[in-house]
Amino acid sequence: MAGHRPRGPMKRRVIKLGGSLLTRPHLLDDFYHWHSRQPSADDCLIVGGGQMIDAVRQWDRLRPGDPRTVHWQCVAMLEHSMRHLAAAFHADDRLSPVETLDSEAAWLRYSASLTDSNASAPTSIKFLNPEVVYHSASIAPLPENWSTTTDSIAMWIGLLCDADEVVLLKSCTVSPNDDLRAWIANGVVDPACEVLASLERKLRVEQLPVQATS
């Protein structure tokens, strides 16, 4: 796959693909072109919930539930968007093969491979079901309410696997001159990201470009 160009020590990168991008008609084309221009890295992909989670948010405004319960129900729902997008990547020759990290054993194997200095260049993008490592019994410092989204969850996962970089891909316009505090204030990333502000130097937030189509 384009973008997998072995050169020097392999870096670890967590990519969060925003849920609002899931309904973009040419998402696979856009991601392929963006990814092909990135430095080679072992990529772990987190997928947002998009309109599926938005529906729960609207329901919760009308009929409020226990914030913690609603939060973890939404985290569990992220498996569905992950599996659908992983299947789409798998069916696209430019983006396949892909690997799905959907169990603790799979995550542990992946984490162990990251410590292998002799590991070869990655041959697949790893799709992670966030619930495998981020769940109600985990030690994550994130608020268990609507202030936490896959933005801060991706940062937490980046901390867990000691990623070299965490990239949050958005559909909205992102000012490259802003910092984490400004992104939070402008609603570009979720408020819970402030809890992990120590990772800001590894954080990259950008709009996924739309490729020109004929």
C-alpha atoms as a PDB file:
ATOM      1  CA  MET A   1       0.000   0.000   0.000  1.00  0.00           C
ATOM      2  CA  ALA A   2       1.209   3.508  -0.748  1.00  0.00           C
ATOM      3  CA  GLY A   3       2.584   5.182   2.339  1.00  0.00           C
ATOM      4  CA  HIS A   4       4.320   2.022   3.574  1.00  0.00           C
ATOM      5  CA  ARG A   5       7.835   3.036   2.635  1.00  0.00           C
ATOM      6  CA  PRO A   6      10.366   1.415   4.967  1.00  0.00           C
ATOM      7  CA  ARG A   7      13.052   3.848   5.988  1.00  0.00           C
ATOM      8  CA  GLY A   8      14.828   3.873   9.324  1.00  0.00           C
ATOM      9  CA  PRO A   9      13.134   2.930  12.593  1.00  0.00           C
ATOM     10  CA  MET A  10       9.409   2.332  12.157  1.00  0.00           C
ATOM     11  CA  LYS A  11       7.295   4.950  13.915  1.00  0.00           C
ATOM     12  CA  ARG A  12       4.003   4.302  15.655  1.00  0.00           C
ATOM     13  CA  ARG A  13       1.022   6.426  14.699  1.00  0.00           C
ATOM     14  CA  VAL A  14      -2.544   6.477  16.005  1.00  0.00           C
ATOM     15  CA  ILE A  15      -5.026   7.936  13.510  1.00  0.00           C
ATOM     16  CA  LYS A  16      -8.531   8.942  14.526  1.00  0.00           C
ATOM     17  CA  LEU A  17     -10.857   9.187  11.529  1.00  0.00           C
ATOM     18  CA  GLY A  18     -13.743  11.438  12.506  1.00  0.00           C
ATOM     19  CA  GLY A  19     -17.221   9.961  12.396  1.00  0.00           C
ATOM     20  CA  SER A  20     -18.502  12.903  10.344  1.00  0.00           C
ATOM     21  CA  LEU A  21     -16.272  11.665   7.519  1.00  0.00           C
ATOM     22  CA  LEU A  22     -18.052   8.309   7.274  1.00  0.00           C
ATOM     23  CA  THR A  23     -20.785   9.688   5.020  1.00  0.00           C
ATOM     24  CA  ARG A  24     -18.348  11.445   2.658  1.00  0.00           C
ATOM     25  CA  PRO A  25     -18.964   9.855  -0.777  1.00  0.00           C
ATOM     26  CA  HIS A  26     -15.279   9.596  -1.731  1.00  0.00           C
ATOM     27  CA  LEU A  27     -13.846   8.916   1.724  1.00  0.00           C
ATOM     28  CA  LEU A  28     -11.678   5.992   0.587  1.00  0.00           C
ATOM     29  CA  ASP A  29     -10.154   8.038  -2.238  1.00  0.00           C
ATOM     30  CA  ASP A  30      -9.493  10.945   0.100  1.00  0.00           C
ATOM     31  CA  PHE A  31      -7.934   8.791   2.785  1.00  0.00           C
ATOM     32  CA  TYR A  32      -5.785   6.907   0.259  1.00  0.00           C
ATOM     33  CA  HIS A  33      -4.351  10.124  -1.187  1.00  0.00           C
ATOM     34  CA  TRP A  34      -3.776  11.624   2.260  1.00  0.00           C
ATOM     35  CA  HIS A  35      -2.159   8.465   3.623  1.00  0.00           C
ATOM     36  CA  SER A  36       0.104   8.001   0.601  1.00  0.00           C
ATOM     37  CA  ARG A  37       1.710  11.347   1.430  1.00  0.00           C
ATOM     38  CA  GLN A  38       2.412  10.517   5.071  1.00  0.00           C
ATOM     39  CA  PRO A  39       5.739   9.273   6.449  1.00  0.00           C
ATOM     40  CA  SER A  40       5.866   5.510   6.813  1.00  0.00           C
ATOM     41  CA  ALA A  41       4.505   4.330  10.163  1.00  0.00           C
ATOM     42  CA  ASP A  42       2.797   1.445  11.892  1.00  0.00           C
ATOM     43  CA  ASP A  43      -0.749   2.819  11.876  1.00  0.00           C
ATOM     44  CA  CYS A  44      -3.485   2.072  14.393  1.00  0.00           C
ATOM     45  CA  LEU A  45      -6.813   3.482  13.199  1.00  0.00           C
ATOM     46  CA  ILE A  46      -9.688   4.588  15.460  1.00  0.00           C
ATOM     47  CA  VAL A  47     -13.054   5.315  13.821  1.00  0.00           C
ATOM     48  CA  GLY A  48     -15.596   7.774  15.191  1.00  0.00           C
ATOM     49  CA  GLY A  49     -19.288   6.975  15.542  1.00  0.00           C
ATOM     50  CA  GLY A  50     -20.667   9.798  13.399  1.00  0.00           C
ATOM     51  CA  GLN A  51     -24.418  10.045  12.935  1.00  0.00           C
ATOM     52  CA  MET A  52     -24.966   6.872  14.944  1.00  0.00           C
ATOM     53  CA  ILE A  53     -23.617   8.549  18.091  1.00  0.00           C
ATOM     54  CA  ASP A  54     -25.295  11.848  17.165  1.00  0.00           C
ATOM     55  CA  ALA A  55     -28.652  10.057  17.299  1.00  0.00           C
ATOM     56  CA  VAL A  56     -27.903   8.829  20.829  1.00  0.00           C
ATOM     57  CA  ARG A  57     -26.839  12.343  21.822  1.00  0.00           C
ATOM     58  CA  GLN A  58     -30.150  13.781  20.564  1.00  0.00           C
ATOM     59  CA  TRP A  59     -32.100  11.044  22.342  1.00  0.00           C
ATOM     60  CA  ASP A  60     -30.215  11.752  25.566  1.00  0.00           C
ATOM     61  CA  ARG A  61     -31.109  15.447  25.346  1.00  0.00           C
ATOM     62  CA  LEU A  62     -34.793  14.517  25.135  1.00  0.00           C
ATOM     63  CA  ARG A  63     -34.736  11.693  27.666  1.00  0.00           C
ATOM     64  CA  PRO A  64     -31.565  12.062  29.766  1.00  0.00           C
ATOM     65  CA  GLY A  65     -30.013   8.883  31.080  1.00  0.00           C
ATOM     66  CA  ASP A  66     -27.230   8.182  33.537  1.00  0.00           C
ATOM     67  CA  PRO A  67     -24.186   9.924  31.950  1.00  0.00           C
ATOM     68  CA  ARG A  68     -21.774   7.096  32.735  1.00  0.00           C
ATOM     69  CA  THR A  69     -24.087   4.418  31.370  1.00  0.00           C
ATOM     70  CA  VAL A  70     -24.771   6.374  28.181  1.00  0.00           C
ATOM     71  CA  HIS A  71     -21.052   7.011  27.724  1.00  0.00           C
ATOM     72  CA  TRP A  72     -20.075   3.357  27.828  1.00  0.00           C
ATOM     73  CA  GLN A  73     -23.001   2.371  25.616  1.00  0.00           C
ATOM     74  CA  CYS A  74     -21.656   4.790  23.003  1.00  0.00           C
ATOM     75  CA  VAL A  75     -18.124   3.393  23.346  1.00  0.00           C
ATOM     76  CA  ALA A  76     -19.525  -0.094  22.712  1.00  0.00           C
ATOM     77  CA  MET A  77     -21.258   1.184  19.562  1.00  0.00           C
ATOM     78  CA  LEU A  78     -17.929   2.258  18.045  1.00  0.00           C
ATOM     79  CA  GLU A  79     -17.258  -1.360  17.095  1.00  0.00           C
ATOM     80  CA  HIS A  80     -19.917  -1.084  14.374  1.00  0.00           C
ATOM     81  CA  SER A  81     -18.371   1.870  12.533  1.00  0.00           C
ATOM     82  CA  MET A  82     -14.936   0.264  12.917  1.00  0.00           C
ATOM     83  CA  ARG A  83     -16.079  -3.008  11.340  1.00  0.00           C
ATOM     84  CA  HIS A  84     -17.929  -1.333   8.469  1.00  0.00           C
ATOM     85  CA  LEU A  85     -14.982   0.866   7.527  1.00  0.00           C
ATOM     86  CA  ALA A  86     -12.480  -1.988   7.940  1.00  0.00           C
ATOM     87  CA  ALA A  87     -14.566  -4.057   5.505  1.00  0.00           C
ATOM     88  CA  ALA A  88     -14.567  -1.172   3.017  1.00  0.00           C
ATOM     89  CA  PHE A  89     -10.776  -0.810   3.295  1.00  0.00           C
ATOM     90  CA  HIS A  90     -10.365  -4.555   2.848  1.00  0.00           C
ATOM     91  CA  ALA A  91     -12.396  -4.452  -0.384  1.00  0.00           C
ATOM     92  CA  ASP A  92     -10.222  -1.662  -1.806  1.00  0.00           C
ATOM     93  CA  ASP A  93      -6.963  -2.957  -3.300  1.00  0.00           C
ATOM     94  CA  ARG A  94      -5.236   0.343  -2.524  1.00  0.00           C
ATOM     95  CA  LEU A  95      -6.029   0.138   1.189  1.00  0.00           C
ATOM     96  CA  SER A  96      -5.877  -3.581   1.892  1.00  0.00           C
ATOM     97  CA  PRO A  97      -4.817  -5.699   3.623  1.00  0.00           C
ATOM     98  CA  VAL A  98      -6.150  -4.541   6.961  1.00  0.00           C
ATOM     99  CA  GLU A  99      -6.033  -6.099  10.392  1.00  0.00           C
ATOM    100  CA  THR A 100      -8.712  -5.823  13.068  1.00  0.00           C
ATOM    101  CA  LEU A 101      -7.652  -5.566  16.704  1.00  0.00           C
ATOM    102  CA  ASP A 102     -10.893  -6.640  18.334  1.00  0.00           C
ATOM    103  CA  SER A 103      -9.718  -8.582  21.380  1.00  0.00           C
ATOM    104  CA  GLU A 104      -7.314  -8.111  24.259  1.00  0.00           C
ATOM    105  CA  ALA A 105      -5.129 -10.896  22.871  1.00  0.00           C
ATOM    106  CA  ALA A 106      -4.895  -9.144  19.487  1.00  0.00           C
ATOM    107  CA  TRP A 107      -4.012  -5.863  21.188  1.00  0.00           C
ATOM    108  CA  LEU A 108      -1.336  -7.530  23.313  1.00  0.00           C
ATOM    109  CA  ARG A 109       0.217  -9.128  20.217  1.00  0.00           C
ATOM    110  CA  TYR A 110       0.190  -5.759  18.476  1.00  0.00           C
ATOM    111  CA  SER A 111       1.667  -3.982  21.505  1.00  0.00           C
ATOM    112  CA  ALA A 112       4.392  -6.608  21.810  1.00  0.00           C
ATOM    113  CA  SER A 113       5.315  -6.202  18.143  1.00  0.00           C
ATOM    114  CA  LEU A 114       5.894  -2.497  18.726  1.00  0.00           C
ATOM    115  CA  THR A 115       8.781  -3.298  21.060  1.00  0.00           C
ATOM    116  CA  ASP A 116      10.500  -5.534  18.518  1.00  0.00           C
ATOM    117  CA  SER A 117      13.357  -3.458  17.130  1.00  0.00           C
ATOM    118  CA  ASN A 118      13.808  -5.984  14.320  1.00  0.00           C
ATOM    119  CA  ALA A 119      10.211  -5.749  13.159  1.00  0.00           C
ATOM    120  CA  SER A 120       9.793  -5.185   9.428  1.00  0.00           C
ATOM    121  CA  ALA A 121       7.726  -2.453   7.829  1.00  0.00           C
ATOM    122  CA  PRO A 122       3.981  -2.765   8.451  1.00  0.00           C
ATOM    123  CA  THR A 123       1.949  -4.626   5.857  1.00  0.00           C
ATOM    124  CA  SER A 124      -1.474  -3.522   7.037  1.00  0.00           C
ATOM    125  CA  ILE A 125      -3.437  -0.803   8.768  1.00  0.00           C
ATOM    126  CA  LYS A 126      -4.663  -1.942  12.155  1.00  0.00           C
ATOM    127  CA  PHE A 127      -8.266  -1.070  12.979  1.00  0.00           C
ATOM    128  CA  LEU A 128      -8.752  -0.977  16.748  1.00  0.00           C
ATOM    129  CA  ASN A 129     -12.069  -1.487  18.498  1.00  0.00           C
ATOM    130  CA  PRO A 130     -11.590   1.165  21.227  1.00  0.00           C
ATOM    131  CA  GLU A 131     -13.546  -0.868  23.784  1.00  0.00           C
ATOM    132  CA  VAL A 132     -10.725  -3.421  23.848  1.00  0.00           C
ATOM    133  CA  VAL A 133      -8.456  -1.001  25.716  1.00  0.00           C
ATOM    134  CA  TYR A 134     -10.856   1.752  26.795  1.00  0.00           C
ATOM    135  CA  HIS A 135     -13.648   0.374  28.993  1.00  0.00           C
ATOM    136  CA  SER A 136     -15.285   0.939  32.366  1.00  0.00           C
ATOM    137  CA  ALA A 137     -12.571  -1.004  34.198  1.00  0.00           C
ATOM    138  CA  SER A 138      -9.667   0.773  32.497  1.00  0.00           C
ATOM    139  CA  ILE A 139      -7.509   3.370  34.255  1.00  0.00           C
ATOM    140  CA  ALA A 140      -8.132   6.072  31.664  1.00  0.00           C
ATOM    141  CA  PRO A 141      -8.404   9.541  33.264  1.00  0.00           C
ATOM    142  CA  LEU A 142     -11.111  10.677  30.831  1.00  0.00           C
ATOM    143  CA  PRO A 143     -14.529  11.924  32.025  1.00  0.00           C
ATOM    144  CA  GLU A 144     -17.254   9.329  31.545  1.00  0.00           C
ATOM    145  CA  ASN A 145     -19.691  11.672  29.851  1.00  0.00           C
ATOM    146  CA  TRP A 146     -20.291  13.580  26.608  1.00  0.00           C
ATOM    147  CA  SER A 147     -17.108  15.645  27.014  1.00  0.00           C
ATOM    148  CA  THR A 148     -15.123  12.563  25.967  1.00  0.00           C
ATOM    149  CA  THR A 149     -15.234  11.513  22.313  1.00  0.00           C
ATOM    150  CA  THR A 150     -12.942   9.511  20.061  1.00  0.00           C
ATOM    151  CA  ASP A 151     -10.613  12.536  19.966  1.00  0.00           C
ATOM    152  CA  SER A 152      -9.464  12.091  23.555  1.00  0.00           C
ATOM    153  CA  ILE A 153      -9.881   8.309  23.344  1.00  0.00           C
ATOM    154  CA  ALA A 154      -7.393   8.269  20.451  1.00  0.00           C
ATOM    155  CA  MET A 155      -4.986  10.356  22.527  1.00  0.00           C
ATOM    156  CA  TRP A 156      -5.359   7.906  25.408  1.00  0.00           C
ATOM    157  CA  ILE A 157      -4.628   4.984  23.091  1.00  0.00           C
ATOM    158  CA  GLY A 158      -1.607   6.869  21.795  1.00  0.00           C
ATOM    159  CA  LEU A 159      -0.390   7.123  25.373  1.00  0.00           C
ATOM    160  CA  LEU A 160      -0.967   3.412  25.971  1.00  0.00           C
ATOM    161  CA  CYS A 161       1.095   2.315  22.971  1.00  0.00           C
ATOM    162  CA  ASP A 162       3.671   5.109  23.306  1.00  0.00           C
ATOM    163  CA  ALA A 163       2.826   6.382  19.823  1.00  0.00           C
ATOM    164  CA  ASP A 164       5.182   8.801  18.117  1.00  0.00           C
ATOM    165  CA  GLU A 165       2.222  10.711  16.756  1.00  0.00           C
ATOM    166  CA  VAL A 166      -1.554  10.986  17.183  1.00  0.00           C
ATOM    167  CA  VAL A 167      -3.426  12.366  14.174  1.00  0.00           C
ATOM    168  CA  LEU A 168      -7.038  13.527  14.431  1.00  0.00           C
ATOM    169  CA  LEU A 169      -8.563  13.694  10.943  1.00  0.00           C
ATOM    170  CA  LYS A 170     -11.561  15.995  10.698  1.00  0.00           C
ATOM    171  CA  SER A 171     -14.166  17.096   8.184  1.00  0.00           C
ATOM    172  CA  CYS A 172     -14.155  20.662   9.518  1.00  0.00           C
ATOM    173  CA  THR A 173     -11.647  23.410   8.788  1.00  0.00           C
ATOM    174  CA  VAL A 174      -8.647  23.319  11.137  1.00  0.00           C
ATOM    175  CA  SER A 175      -6.313  26.252  11.649  1.00  0.00           C
ATOM    176  CA  PRO A 176      -2.687  25.049  11.624  1.00  0.00           C
ATOM    177  CA  ASN A 177      -1.747  28.005  13.799  1.00  0.00           C
ATOM    178  CA  ASP A 178      -4.012  26.987  16.682  1.00  0.00           C
ATOM    179  CA  ASP A 179      -2.927  24.982  19.700  1.00  0.00           C
ATOM    180  CA  LEU A 180      -4.829  22.412  21.758  1.00  0.00           C
ATOM    181  CA  ARG A 181      -6.510  25.041  23.917  1.00  0.00           C
ATOM    182  CA  ALA A 182      -7.782  26.887  20.831  1.00  0.00           C
ATOM    183  CA  TRP A 183      -8.998  23.660  19.194  1.00  0.00           C
ATOM    184  CA  ILE A 184     -10.965  22.863  22.336  1.00  0.00           C
ATOM    185  CA  ALA A 185     -12.380  26.391  22.609  1.00  0.00           C
ATOM    186  CA  ASN A 186     -13.451  26.317  18.935  1.00  0.00           C
ATOM    187  CA  GLY A 187     -15.076  22.898  19.247  1.00  0.00           C
ATOM    188  CA  VAL A 188     -12.627  21.243  16.863  1.00  0.00           C
ATOM    189  CA  VAL A 189     -11.658  18.609  19.451  1.00  0.00           C
ATOM    190  CA  ASP A 190     -13.470  17.481  22.579  1.00  0.00           C
ATOM    191  CA  PRO A 191     -12.942  19.123  25.995  1.00  0.00           C
ATOM    192  CA  ALA A 192     -11.523  15.941  27.521  1.00  0.00           C
ATOM    193  CA  CYS A 193      -8.394  16.307  25.369  1.00  0.00           C
ATOM    194  CA  GLU A 194      -7.196  18.848  27.912  1.00  0.00           C
ATOM    195  CA  VAL A 195      -6.728  15.986  30.399  1.00  0.00           C
ATOM    196  CA  LEU A 196      -4.023  14.622  28.094  1.00  0.00           C
ATOM    197  CA  ALA A 197      -2.447  17.976  27.237  1.00  0.00           C
ATOM    198  CA  SER A 198       0.989  16.487  27.933  1.00  0.00           C
ATOM    199  CA  LEU A 199       0.637  14.714  24.560  1.00  0.00           C
ATOM    200  CA  GLU A 200       0.122  17.962  22.637  1.00  0.00           C
ATOM    201  CA  ARG A 201       3.626  17.849  21.157  1.00  0.00           C
ATOM    202  CA  LYS A 202       2.688  14.520  19.514  1.00  0.00           C
ATOM    203  CA  LEU A 203      -0.739  15.701  18.402  1.00  0.00           C
ATOM    204  CA  ARG A 204      -1.653  16.693  14.842  1.00  0.00           C
ATOM    205  CA  VAL A 205      -5.165  17.870  14.011  1.00  0.00           C
ATOM    206  CA  GLU A 206      -6.088  18.471  10.394  1.00  0.00           C
ATOM    207  CA  GLN A 207      -8.900  18.460   7.892  1.00  0.00           C
ATOM    208  CA  LEU A 208      -8.941  15.463   5.558  1.00  0.00           C
ATOM    209  CA  PRO A 209      -8.558  17.070   2.111  1.00  0.00           C
ATOM    210  CA  VAL A 210     -11.132  16.408  -0.600  1.00  0.00           C
ATOM    211  CA  GLN A 211      -9.519  15.140  -3.762  1.00  0.00           C
ATOM    212  CA  ALA A 212     -10.611  16.661  -7.073  1.00  0.00           C
ATOM    213  CA  THR A 213     -12.887  14.274  -8.958  1.00  0.00           C
ATOM    214  CA  SER A 214     -13.590  14.263 -12.678  1.00  0.00           C
END
